[in-house]
Amino acid sequence: MSVIEKRRRYAVMGQSLLQMNTIFISIIIEALPFIVLGVFISAVIQMFVTEEMIAKVMPKNRFLSIAFGTGMGALFPACECGIVPITERLVRKNVPLSAAIAFMLTGPIINPVVIFSTFVAFGDSWKMALLRCGLAIFTAVLTAIAISYFFSENQLREFVEAKLHHHGHGREVQHAPGFLQKITGTIDHAIDEFFSVGKFLVFGGLISAAMQTFFRTSTLLSLGQTKMAAILIMMLLAFIMSICSEADAFIASSFNGMFGTPAILAFLVFGAMVDIKNLLMMMHSFKRKFVFSMIGLIIVFVFTGAFLI
């Protein structure tokens, strides 16, 4: 190999690494504010929300509790990065697992921030925003119902349970902490959770950046010639790109000329429910068998719903 060819290869590799670095930094900058918001909400739930308070508002009926969890998603402007620690905290507070999962799946999609960004991205049209919300609710409700029948309530990983159990006993010694103590506790919990979850954001962002740099997306796009293939390709692309739900609509709209509404809709819904970043976070919080089973259900329901449109 000549010196010129070696230099050319090194130059190409340098450009690729620079591109990977740029993508990685953009992922971190985009996701970080929502991670902070997510762990802060999780800490507030830990310090200010009691099991008794949740028991008063949570319906006892299986289906009503799932509907309640789905509706909660509209109240929290959290993306898929920040919603996992919130969900974990809700499960710890004895929210039914199925209701918490319904919240986790709809929260990144049906909140006002994401609805408005989707509306703007698609030319101030409500069509895609409403279709996105509809498919998200369809997928979340059916997934939650299936989980309620096939999984027990306890799906937290053992070391997570042990950690939370330890924190719980630490709080029992302090009877009726005052408001300032709760504020201090909220900050402490938020910091602990941020460093616990943050490493998965960094690792997931690095994987996503590497795949986007060295894996040719044009090859994937060329395979999506049929409706079925296009939906599957766009779901895979959403998983790889790992874009936060507040910004993914602007990327999805750029595919308008290449794919139809079903494929773009699958991209918008599946990517907001499952991507590389939150997969790692879910595996940190929940048992692996449960996580992969849930993802399998999500794939089936997103694909089916998009295909029927």
C-alpha atoms as a PDB file:
ATOM      1  CA  MET A   1       0.000   0.000   0.000  1.00  0.00           C
ATOM      2  CA  SER A   2       1.429   3.350  -1.052  1.00  0.00           C
ATOM      3  CA  VAL A   3       1.944   6.292   1.294  1.00  0.00           C
ATOM      4  CA  ILE A   4      -0.740   8.289  -0.551  1.00  0.00           C
ATOM      5  CA  GLU A   5      -3.333   5.518  -0.088  1.00  0.00           C
ATOM      6  CA  LYS A   6      -2.492   5.257   3.608  1.00  0.00           C
ATOM      7  CA  ARG A   7      -2.907   8.996   4.053  1.00  0.00           C
ATOM      8  CA  ARG A   8      -6.208   8.885   2.197  1.00  0.00           C
ATOM      9  CA  ARG A   9      -7.501   6.111   4.462  1.00  0.00           C
ATOM     10  CA  TYR A  10      -6.394   7.974   7.570  1.00  0.00           C
ATOM     11  CA  ALA A  11      -8.118  11.112   6.283  1.00  0.00           C
ATOM     12  CA  VAL A  12     -11.376   9.214   5.662  1.00  0.00           C
ATOM     13  CA  MET A  13     -11.169   7.601   9.108  1.00  0.00           C
ATOM     14  CA  GLY A  14     -10.535  10.999  10.676  1.00  0.00           C
ATOM     15  CA  GLN A  15     -13.599  12.460   8.963  1.00  0.00           C
ATOM     16  CA  SER A  16     -15.702   9.489  10.125  1.00  0.00           C
ATOM     17  CA  LEU A  17     -14.560   9.884  13.723  1.00  0.00           C
ATOM     18  CA  LEU A  18     -15.270  13.618  13.556  1.00  0.00           C
ATOM     19  CA  GLN A  19     -18.770  12.895  12.235  1.00  0.00           C
ATOM     20  CA  MET A  20     -19.303  10.288  14.964  1.00  0.00           C
ATOM     21  CA  ASN A  21     -18.157  12.779  17.601  1.00  0.00           C
ATOM     22  CA  THR A  22     -20.549  15.435  16.263  1.00  0.00           C
ATOM     23  CA  ILE A  23     -23.516  13.026  16.278  1.00  0.00           C
ATOM     24  CA  PHE A  24     -22.623  11.798  19.780  1.00  0.00           C
ATOM     25  CA  ILE A  25     -22.431  15.320  21.213  1.00  0.00           C
ATOM     26  CA  SER A  26     -25.725  16.298  19.551  1.00  0.00           C
ATOM     27  CA  ILE A  27     -27.452  13.240  21.080  1.00  0.00           C
ATOM     28  CA  ILE A  28     -26.131  14.081  24.556  1.00  0.00           C
ATOM     29  CA  ILE A  29     -27.034  17.781  24.309  1.00  0.00           C
ATOM     30  CA  GLU A  30     -30.515  16.938  23.015  1.00  0.00           C
ATOM     31  CA  ALA A  31     -31.263  14.317  25.676  1.00  0.00           C
ATOM     32  CA  LEU A  32     -29.571  15.793  28.756  1.00  0.00           C
ATOM     33  CA  PRO A  33     -32.253  18.373  29.699  1.00  0.00           C
ATOM     34  CA  PHE A  34     -34.923  15.683  29.639  1.00  0.00           C
ATOM     35  CA  ILE A  35     -32.805  13.285  31.694  1.00  0.00           C
ATOM     36  CA  VAL A  36     -32.457  16.032  34.311  1.00  0.00           C
ATOM     37  CA  LEU A  37     -36.210  16.681  34.195  1.00  0.00           C
ATOM     38  CA  GLY A  38     -36.938  12.950  34.466  1.00  0.00           C
ATOM     39  CA  VAL A  39     -34.716  12.294  37.482  1.00  0.00           C
ATOM     40  CA  PHE A  40     -36.022  15.446  39.189  1.00  0.00           C
ATOM     41  CA  ILE A  41     -39.649  14.319  38.762  1.00  0.00           C
ATOM     42  CA  SER A  42     -38.618  10.865  39.992  1.00  0.00           C
ATOM     43  CA  ALA A  43     -37.032  12.418  43.094  1.00  0.00           C
ATOM     44  CA  VAL A  44     -40.121  14.567  43.757  1.00  0.00           C
ATOM     45  CA  ILE A  45     -42.289  11.428  43.564  1.00  0.00           C
ATOM     46  CA  GLN A  46     -39.932   9.683  45.987  1.00  0.00           C
ATOM     47  CA  MET A  47     -40.035  12.462  48.588  1.00  0.00           C
ATOM     48  CA  PHE A  48     -43.521  13.962  48.278  1.00  0.00           C
ATOM     49  CA  VAL A  49     -45.806  11.191  46.955  1.00  0.00           C
ATOM     50  CA  THR A  50     -46.808   8.441  49.369  1.00  0.00           C
ATOM     51  CA  GLU A  51     -48.266   5.017  48.661  1.00  0.00           C
ATOM     52  CA  GLU A  52     -51.454   6.160  50.385  1.00  0.00           C
ATOM     53  CA  MET A  53     -51.837   9.124  48.021  1.00  0.00           C
ATOM     54  CA  ILE A  54     -51.457   6.874  44.987  1.00  0.00           C
ATOM     55  CA  ALA A  55     -53.883   4.318  46.416  1.00  0.00           C
ATOM     56  CA  LYS A  56     -56.549   7.022  46.707  1.00  0.00           C
ATOM     57  CA  VAL A  57     -56.400   8.083  43.051  1.00  0.00           C
ATOM     58  CA  MET A  58     -55.422   4.829  41.315  1.00  0.00           C
ATOM     59  CA  PRO A  59     -58.448   2.812  40.118  1.00  0.00           C
ATOM     60  CA  LYS A  60     -58.579  -0.755  41.405  1.00  0.00           C
ATOM     61  CA  ASN A  61     -59.935  -2.148  38.150  1.00  0.00           C
ATOM     62  CA  ARG A  62     -57.254  -3.532  35.819  1.00  0.00           C
ATOM     63  CA  PHE A  63     -58.491  -1.717  32.711  1.00  0.00           C
ATOM     64  CA  LEU A  64     -59.288   1.556  34.459  1.00  0.00           C
ATOM     65  CA  SER A  65     -55.804   1.651  36.006  1.00  0.00           C
ATOM     66  CA  ILE A  66     -54.276   1.170  32.542  1.00  0.00           C
ATOM     67  CA  ALA A  67     -56.469   3.969  31.183  1.00  0.00           C
ATOM     68  CA  PHE A  68     -55.374   6.148  34.119  1.00  0.00           C
ATOM     69  CA  GLY A  69     -51.698   5.389  33.431  1.00  0.00           C
ATOM     70  CA  THR A  70     -52.168   6.175  29.750  1.00  0.00           C
ATOM     71  CA  GLY A  71     -53.766   9.519  30.579  1.00  0.00           C
ATOM     72  CA  MET A  72     -50.908  10.393  32.956  1.00  0.00           C
ATOM     73  CA  GLY A  73     -48.635  10.470  29.921  1.00  0.00           C
ATOM     74  CA  ALA A  74     -50.283  13.690  28.761  1.00  0.00           C
ATOM     75  CA  LEU A  75     -49.276  15.500  31.969  1.00  0.00           C
ATOM     76  CA  PHE A  76     -45.513  14.911  31.967  1.00  0.00           C
ATOM     77  CA  PRO A  77     -43.327  16.515  29.267  1.00  0.00           C
ATOM     78  CA  ALA A  78     -40.720  13.723  29.479  1.00  0.00           C
ATOM     79  CA  CYS A  79     -38.982  12.093  26.534  1.00  0.00           C
ATOM     80  CA  GLU A  80     -38.122   8.386  26.379  1.00  0.00           C
ATOM     81  CA  CYS A  81     -34.756   9.125  28.029  1.00  0.00           C
ATOM     82  CA  GLY A  82     -36.141  10.645  31.213  1.00  0.00           C
ATOM     83  CA  ILE A  83     -39.305   8.611  31.637  1.00  0.00           C
ATOM     84  CA  VAL A  84     -37.675   5.303  32.653  1.00  0.00           C
ATOM     85  CA  PRO A  85     -36.544   6.500  36.125  1.00  0.00           C
ATOM     86  CA  ILE A  86     -40.001   8.021  36.667  1.00  0.00           C
ATOM     87  CA  THR A  87     -41.616   4.684  35.773  1.00  0.00           C
ATOM     88  CA  GLU A  88     -39.267   2.785  38.060  1.00  0.00           C
ATOM     89  CA  ARG A  89     -40.180   5.118  40.923  1.00  0.00           C
ATOM     90  CA  LEU A  90     -43.912   4.717  40.272  1.00  0.00           C
ATOM     91  CA  VAL A  91     -43.582   0.912  40.378  1.00  0.00           C
ATOM     92  CA  ARG A  92     -41.732   1.240  43.667  1.00  0.00           C
ATOM     93  CA  LYS A  93     -44.644   3.333  44.979  1.00  0.00           C
ATOM     94  CA  ASN A  94     -46.976   0.392  44.251  1.00  0.00           C
ATOM     95  CA  VAL A  95     -48.480   1.728  41.038  1.00  0.00           C
ATOM     96  CA  PRO A  96     -49.627  -1.388  39.115  1.00  0.00           C
ATOM     97  CA  LEU A  97     -46.926  -2.475  36.672  1.00  0.00           C
ATOM     98  CA  SER A  98     -49.304  -2.397  33.700  1.00  0.00           C
ATOM     99  CA  ALA A  99     -50.413   1.174  34.495  1.00  0.00           C
ATOM    100  CA  ALA A 100     -46.795   2.323  34.911  1.00  0.00           C
ATOM    101  CA  ILE A 101     -45.833   0.770  31.564  1.00  0.00           C
ATOM    102  CA  ALA A 102     -48.821   2.407  29.853  1.00  0.00           C
ATOM    103  CA  PHE A 103     -47.553   5.721  31.228  1.00  0.00           C
ATOM    104  CA  MET A 104     -43.976   4.990  30.129  1.00  0.00           C
ATOM    105  CA  LEU A 105     -45.047   4.252  26.551  1.00  0.00           C
ATOM    106  CA  THR A 106     -47.435   7.173  26.067  1.00  0.00           C
ATOM    107  CA  GLY A 107     -45.584   9.842  28.070  1.00  0.00           C
ATOM    108  CA  PRO A 108     -42.961  10.619  25.393  1.00  0.00           C
ATOM    109  CA  ILE A 109     -45.641  10.959  22.682  1.00  0.00           C
ATOM    110  CA  ILE A 110     -48.963  12.374  23.870  1.00  0.00           C
ATOM    111  CA  ASN A 111     -47.622  15.250  25.968  1.00  0.00           C
ATOM    112  CA  PRO A 112     -48.290  18.788  24.619  1.00  0.00           C
ATOM    113  CA  VAL A 113     -44.647  19.521  23.713  1.00  0.00           C
ATOM    114  CA  VAL A 114     -44.340  16.512  21.399  1.00  0.00           C
ATOM    115  CA  ILE A 115     -47.799  16.984  19.892  1.00  0.00           C
ATOM    116  CA  PHE A 116     -46.966  20.583  19.005  1.00  0.00           C
ATOM    117  CA  SER A 117     -43.527  19.715  17.579  1.00  0.00           C
ATOM    118  CA  THR A 118     -45.132  17.044  15.368  1.00  0.00           C
ATOM    119  CA  PHE A 119     -47.773  19.537  14.241  1.00  0.00           C
ATOM    120  CA  VAL A 120     -45.087  22.069  13.242  1.00  0.00           C
ATOM    121  CA  ALA A 121     -42.763  19.509  11.615  1.00  0.00           C
ATOM    122  CA  PHE A 122     -45.479  18.329   9.229  1.00  0.00           C
ATOM    123  CA  GLY A 123     -46.430  21.744   7.913  1.00  0.00           C
ATOM    124  CA  ASP A 124     -48.845  22.863  10.626  1.00  0.00           C
ATOM    125  CA  SER A 125     -51.017  19.815   9.975  1.00  0.00           C
ATOM    126  CA  TRP A 126     -52.806  17.960  12.765  1.00  0.00           C
ATOM    127  CA  LYS A 127     -53.133  14.737  10.762  1.00  0.00           C
ATOM    128  CA  MET A 128     -49.768  13.179  11.645  1.00  0.00           C
ATOM    129  CA  ALA A 129     -49.867  14.480  15.234  1.00  0.00           C
ATOM    130  CA  LEU A 130     -53.267  12.863  15.845  1.00  0.00           C
ATOM    131  CA  LEU A 131     -52.313   9.628  14.068  1.00  0.00           C
ATOM    132  CA  ARG A 132     -49.171   9.462  16.188  1.00  0.00           C
ATOM    133  CA  CYS A 133     -51.138   9.883  19.410  1.00  0.00           C
ATOM    134  CA  GLY A 134     -53.704   7.321  18.285  1.00  0.00           C
ATOM    135  CA  LEU A 135     -51.137   4.644  17.423  1.00  0.00           C
ATOM    136  CA  ALA A 136     -49.240   5.347  20.654  1.00  0.00           C
ATOM    137  CA  ILE A 137     -52.369   4.883  22.788  1.00  0.00           C
ATOM    138  CA  PHE A 138     -53.341   1.755  20.804  1.00  0.00           C
ATOM    139  CA  THR A 139     -49.885   0.218  21.347  1.00  0.00           C
ATOM    140  CA  ALA A 140     -49.558   1.254  24.994  1.00  0.00           C
ATOM    141  CA  VAL A 141     -52.992  -0.010  26.041  1.00  0.00           C
ATOM    142  CA  LEU A 142     -52.649  -3.405  24.326  1.00  0.00           C
ATOM    143  CA  THR A 143     -49.094  -3.861  25.622  1.00  0.00           C
ATOM    144  CA  ALA A 144     -50.166  -2.962  29.170  1.00  0.00           C
ATOM    145  CA  ILE A 145     -53.149  -5.338  29.040  1.00  0.00           C
ATOM    146  CA  ALA A 146     -50.904  -8.194  27.865  1.00  0.00           C
ATOM    147  CA  ILE A 147     -48.395  -7.421  30.630  1.00  0.00           C
ATOM    148  CA  SER A 148     -51.154  -7.398  33.254  1.00  0.00           C
ATOM    149  CA  TYR A 149     -52.090 -10.969  32.310  1.00  0.00           C
ATOM    150  CA  PHE A 150     -48.676 -12.531  31.709  1.00  0.00           C
ATOM    151  CA  PHE A 151     -46.354 -10.861  34.230  1.00  0.00           C
ATOM    152  CA  SER A 152     -46.361 -10.506  37.997  1.00  0.00           C
ATOM    153  CA  GLU A 153     -46.156  -7.058  39.570  1.00  0.00           C
ATOM    154  CA  ASN A 154     -42.542  -7.511  40.681  1.00  0.00           C
ATOM    155  CA  GLN A 155     -40.335  -7.024  37.597  1.00  0.00           C
ATOM    156  CA  LEU A 156     -37.644  -4.745  39.049  1.00  0.00           C
ATOM    157  CA  ARG A 157     -34.142  -6.170  38.910  1.00  0.00           C
ATOM    158  CA  GLU A 158     -32.875  -7.568  42.213  1.00  0.00           C
ATOM    159  CA  PHE A 159     -30.119  -5.012  42.804  1.00  0.00           C
ATOM    160  CA  VAL A 160     -32.575  -2.172  42.078  1.00  0.00           C
ATOM    161  CA  GLU A 161     -35.002  -3.628  44.613  1.00  0.00           C
ATOM    162  CA  ALA A 162     -32.196  -3.948  47.166  1.00  0.00           C
ATOM    163  CA  LYS A 163     -31.067  -0.363  46.579  1.00  0.00           C
ATOM    164  CA  LEU A 164     -34.593   1.015  46.914  1.00  0.00           C
ATOM    165  CA  HIS A 165     -35.290  -1.156  49.954  1.00  0.00           C
ATOM    166  CA  HIS A 166     -32.157   0.206  51.606  1.00  0.00           C
ATOM    167  CA  HIS A 167     -33.128   3.817  50.852  1.00  0.00           C
ATOM    168  CA  GLY A 168     -36.607   3.158  52.168  1.00  0.00           C
ATOM    169  CA  HIS A 169     -35.325   1.905  55.522  1.00  0.00           C
ATOM    170  CA  GLY A 170     -33.026   4.896  55.732  1.00  0.00           C
ATOM    171  CA  ARG A 171     -36.057   7.176  55.528  1.00  0.00           C
ATOM    172  CA  GLU A 172     -38.068   5.250  58.096  1.00  0.00           C
ATOM    173  CA  VAL A 173     -35.884   6.513  60.926  1.00  0.00           C
ATOM    174  CA  GLN A 174     -36.898  10.096  60.136  1.00  0.00           C
ATOM    175  CA  HIS A 175     -40.488  10.585  61.204  1.00  0.00           C
ATOM    176  CA  ALA A 176     -42.488  13.173  59.237  1.00  0.00           C
ATOM    177  CA  PRO A 177     -39.589  15.073  57.646  1.00  0.00           C
ATOM    178  CA  GLY A 178     -40.154  18.796  57.254  1.00  0.00           C
ATOM    179  CA  PHE A 179     -40.474  20.642  53.970  1.00  0.00           C
ATOM    180  CA  LEU A 180     -36.802  21.690  53.887  1.00  0.00           C
ATOM    181  CA  GLN A 181     -35.726  18.118  54.606  1.00  0.00           C
ATOM    182  CA  LYS A 182     -37.875  16.937  51.718  1.00  0.00           C
ATOM    183  CA  ILE A 183     -36.313  19.515  49.395  1.00  0.00           C
ATOM    184  CA  THR A 184     -32.832  18.383  50.439  1.00  0.00           C
ATOM    185  CA  GLY A 185     -33.846  14.752  49.986  1.00  0.00           C
ATOM    186  CA  THR A 186     -35.247  15.525  46.541  1.00  0.00           C
ATOM    187  CA  ILE A 187     -31.943  17.069  45.446  1.00  0.00           C
ATOM    188  CA  ASP A 188     -29.957  14.135  46.887  1.00  0.00           C
ATOM    189  CA  HIS A 189     -32.149  11.572  45.127  1.00  0.00           C
ATOM    190  CA  ALA A 190     -32.038  13.502  41.843  1.00  0.00           C
ATOM    191  CA  ILE A 191     -28.224  13.633  41.906  1.00  0.00           C
ATOM    192  CA  ASP A 192     -27.928   9.915  42.718  1.00  0.00           C
ATOM    193  CA  GLU A 193     -30.393   8.988  39.988  1.00  0.00           C
ATOM    194  CA  PHE A 194     -28.745  11.288  37.437  1.00  0.00           C
ATOM    195  CA  PHE A 195     -25.385   9.552  37.787  1.00  0.00           C
ATOM    196  CA  SER A 196     -27.082   6.155  37.821  1.00  0.00           C
ATOM    197  CA  VAL A 197     -29.006   6.803  34.590  1.00  0.00           C
ATOM    198  CA  GLY A 198     -26.538   9.171  32.894  1.00  0.00           C
ATOM    199  CA  LYS A 199     -23.958   6.505  32.107  1.00  0.00           C
ATOM    200  CA  PHE A 200     -26.533   4.633  30.026  1.00  0.00           C
ATOM    201  CA  LEU A 201     -27.286   7.802  28.074  1.00  0.00           C
ATOM    202  CA  VAL A 202     -23.576   8.209  27.294  1.00  0.00           C
ATOM    203  CA  PHE A 203     -23.104   4.553  26.352  1.00  0.00           C
ATOM    204  CA  GLY A 204     -26.301   4.430  24.281  1.00  0.00           C
ATOM    205  CA  GLY A 205     -25.453   7.705  22.549  1.00  0.00           C
ATOM    206  CA  LEU A 206     -22.008   6.370  21.655  1.00  0.00           C
ATOM    207  CA  ILE A 207     -23.458   3.192  20.139  1.00  0.00           C
ATOM    208  CA  SER A 208     -26.057   5.162  18.195  1.00  0.00           C
ATOM    209  CA  ALA A 209     -23.450   7.625  16.880  1.00  0.00           C
ATOM    210  CA  ALA A 210     -21.172   4.773  15.782  1.00  0.00           C
ATOM    211  CA  MET A 211     -23.998   2.976  13.974  1.00  0.00           C
ATOM    212  CA  GLN A 212     -25.125   6.155  12.217  1.00  0.00           C
ATOM    213  CA  THR A 213     -21.545   6.868  11.124  1.00  0.00           C
ATOM    214  CA  PHE A 214     -20.407   3.441   9.966  1.00  0.00           C
ATOM    215  CA  PHE A 215     -23.734   1.838   8.978  1.00  0.00           C
ATOM    216  CA  ARG A 216     -25.097   3.028   5.633  1.00  0.00           C
ATOM    217  CA  THR A 217     -28.708   4.121   6.117  1.00  0.00           C
ATOM    218  CA  SER A 218     -29.045   4.333   2.326  1.00  0.00           C
ATOM    219  CA  THR A 219     -28.796   0.536   2.259  1.00  0.00           C
ATOM    220  CA  LEU A 220     -31.743   0.271   4.645  1.00  0.00           C
ATOM    221  CA  LEU A 221     -33.787   2.770   2.655  1.00  0.00           C
ATOM    222  CA  SER A 222     -33.226   0.841  -0.565  1.00  0.00           C
ATOM    223  CA  LEU A 223     -34.732  -2.273   1.051  1.00  0.00           C
ATOM    224  CA  GLY A 224     -38.028  -0.601   1.967  1.00  0.00           C
ATOM    225  CA  GLN A 225     -39.808  -1.100  -1.342  1.00  0.00           C
ATOM    226  CA  THR A 226     -43.010  -2.718  -0.030  1.00  0.00           C
ATOM    227  CA  LYS A 227     -45.341  -1.377   2.654  1.00  0.00           C
ATOM    228  CA  MET A 228     -44.386  -4.138   5.101  1.00  0.00           C
ATOM    229  CA  ALA A 229     -40.651  -3.732   4.489  1.00  0.00           C
ATOM    230  CA  ALA A 230     -40.866   0.068   4.696  1.00  0.00           C
ATOM    231  CA  ILE A 231     -42.519  -0.088   8.129  1.00  0.00           C
ATOM    232  CA  LEU A 232     -39.908  -2.522   9.471  1.00  0.00           C
ATOM    233  CA  ILE A 233     -37.028  -0.510   8.002  1.00  0.00           C
ATOM    234  CA  MET A 234     -38.282   2.731   9.526  1.00  0.00           C
ATOM    235  CA  MET A 235     -38.747   1.067  12.928  1.00  0.00           C
ATOM    236  CA  LEU A 236     -35.160  -0.190  12.777  1.00  0.00           C
ATOM    237  CA  LEU A 237     -33.953   3.238  11.687  1.00  0.00           C
ATOM    238  CA  ALA A 238     -35.778   4.879  14.607  1.00  0.00           C
ATOM    239  CA  PHE A 239     -34.107   2.459  17.029  1.00  0.00           C
ATOM    240  CA  ILE A 240     -30.647   3.138  15.576  1.00  0.00           C
ATOM    241  CA  MET A 241     -30.968   6.925  15.362  1.00  0.00           C
ATOM    242  CA  SER A 242     -32.244   7.229  18.962  1.00  0.00           C
ATOM    243  CA  ILE A 243     -33.648  10.742  18.550  1.00  0.00           C
ATOM    244  CA  CYS A 244     -35.595  12.261  21.437  1.00  0.00           C
ATOM    245  CA  SER A 245     -39.341  12.426  20.839  1.00  0.00           C
ATOM    246  CA  GLU A 246     -39.343  16.231  21.016  1.00  0.00           C
ATOM    247  CA  ALA A 247     -37.170  16.402  17.865  1.00  0.00           C
ATOM    248  CA  ASP A 248     -37.815  13.204  15.901  1.00  0.00           C
ATOM    249  CA  ALA A 249     -40.788  14.615  13.957  1.00  0.00           C
ATOM    250  CA  PHE A 250     -38.479  16.993  12.077  1.00  0.00           C
ATOM    251  CA  ILE A 251     -36.305  14.043  11.001  1.00  0.00           C
ATOM    252  CA  ALA A 252     -39.356  11.950  10.104  1.00  0.00           C
ATOM    253  CA  SER A 253     -40.800  14.696   7.909  1.00  0.00           C
ATOM    254  CA  SER A 254     -37.643  14.567   5.764  1.00  0.00           C
ATOM    255  CA  PHE A 255     -38.626  11.017   4.728  1.00  0.00           C
ATOM    256  CA  ASN A 256     -41.961  12.204   3.307  1.00  0.00           C
ATOM    257  CA  GLY A 257     -40.888  11.782  -0.306  1.00  0.00           C
ATOM    258  CA  MET A 258     -39.433   8.304   0.210  1.00  0.00           C
ATOM    259  CA  PHE A 259     -41.993   6.565   2.428  1.00  0.00           C
ATOM    260  CA  GLY A 260     -45.726   6.639   2.979  1.00  0.00           C
ATOM    261  CA  THR A 261     -47.627   7.625   6.106  1.00  0.00           C
ATOM    262  CA  PRO A 262     -47.620   4.112   7.713  1.00  0.00           C
ATOM    263  CA  ALA A 263     -43.810   3.822   7.652  1.00  0.00           C
ATOM    264  CA  ILE A 264     -43.254   7.378   8.921  1.00  0.00           C
ATOM    265  CA  LEU A 265     -45.829   6.819  11.651  1.00  0.00           C
ATOM    266  CA  ALA A 266     -44.059   3.615  12.734  1.00  0.00           C
ATOM    267  CA  PHE A 267     -40.809   5.614  12.925  1.00  0.00           C
ATOM    268  CA  LEU A 268     -42.434   8.270  15.120  1.00  0.00           C
ATOM    269  CA  VAL A 269     -44.117   5.858  17.534  1.00  0.00           C
ATOM    270  CA  PHE A 270     -41.601   3.025  17.843  1.00  0.00           C
ATOM    271  CA  GLY A 271     -38.603   5.349  18.181  1.00  0.00           C
ATOM    272  CA  ALA A 272     -40.290   7.229  21.023  1.00  0.00           C
ATOM    273  CA  MET A 273     -40.985   3.964  22.858  1.00  0.00           C
ATOM    274  CA  VAL A 274     -37.805   1.966  22.205  1.00  0.00           C
ATOM    275  CA  ASP A 275     -34.342   3.139  21.206  1.00  0.00           C
ATOM    276  CA  ILE A 276     -30.775   2.283  22.155  1.00  0.00           C
ATOM    277  CA  LYS A 277     -30.616   4.769  25.042  1.00  0.00           C
ATOM    278  CA  ASN A 278     -33.795   3.814  26.851  1.00  0.00           C
ATOM    279  CA  LEU A 279     -33.286   0.088  26.134  1.00  0.00           C
ATOM    280  CA  LEU A 280     -30.150   0.226  28.281  1.00  0.00           C
ATOM    281  CA  MET A 281     -32.015   2.198  30.942  1.00  0.00           C
ATOM    282  CA  MET A 282     -34.908  -0.282  30.972  1.00  0.00           C
ATOM    283  CA  MET A 283     -32.492  -3.214  31.288  1.00  0.00           C
ATOM    284  CA  HIS A 284     -30.889  -1.423  34.237  1.00  0.00           C
ATOM    285  CA  SER A 285     -34.241  -1.081  36.021  1.00  0.00           C
ATOM    286  CA  PHE A 286     -36.267  -4.135  34.974  1.00  0.00           C
ATOM    287  CA  LYS A 287     -35.625  -7.833  34.483  1.00  0.00           C
ATOM    288  CA  ARG A 288     -34.278  -8.676  31.038  1.00  0.00           C
ATOM    289  CA  LYS A 289     -36.952 -11.245  30.207  1.00  0.00           C
ATOM    290  CA  PHE A 290     -39.634  -8.685  30.961  1.00  0.00           C
ATOM    291  CA  VAL A 291     -37.919  -5.945  28.907  1.00  0.00           C
ATOM    292  CA  PHE A 292     -37.468  -8.104  25.810  1.00  0.00           C
ATOM    293  CA  SER A 293     -40.997  -9.498  26.069  1.00  0.00           C
ATOM    294  CA  MET A 294     -42.384  -5.972  26.331  1.00  0.00           C
ATOM    295  CA  ILE A 295     -40.345  -4.826  23.321  1.00  0.00           C
ATOM    296  CA  GLY A 296     -41.649  -7.806  21.348  1.00  0.00           C
ATOM    297  CA  LEU A 297     -45.216  -6.747  22.138  1.00  0.00           C
ATOM    298  CA  ILE A 298     -44.460  -3.148  21.164  1.00  0.00           C
ATOM    299  CA  ILE A 299     -43.006  -4.259  17.818  1.00  0.00           C
ATOM    300  CA  VAL A 300     -46.079  -6.360  17.044  1.00  0.00           C
ATOM    301  CA  PHE A 301     -48.615  -3.671  17.966  1.00  0.00           C
ATOM    302  CA  VAL A 302     -46.783  -0.756  16.309  1.00  0.00           C
ATOM    303  CA  PHE A 303     -46.305  -2.764  13.118  1.00  0.00           C
ATOM    304  CA  THR A 304     -49.917  -3.976  13.082  1.00  0.00           C
ATOM    305  CA  GLY A 305     -51.360  -0.538  13.787  1.00  0.00           C
ATOM    306  CA  ALA A 306     -49.186   1.176  11.170  1.00  0.00           C
ATOM    307  CA  PHE A 307     -49.887  -1.510   8.574  1.00  0.00           C
ATOM    308  CA  LEU A 308     -53.660  -1.127   8.999  1.00  0.00           C
ATOM    309  CA  ILE A 309     -53.530   2.628   8.342  1.00  0.00           C
END
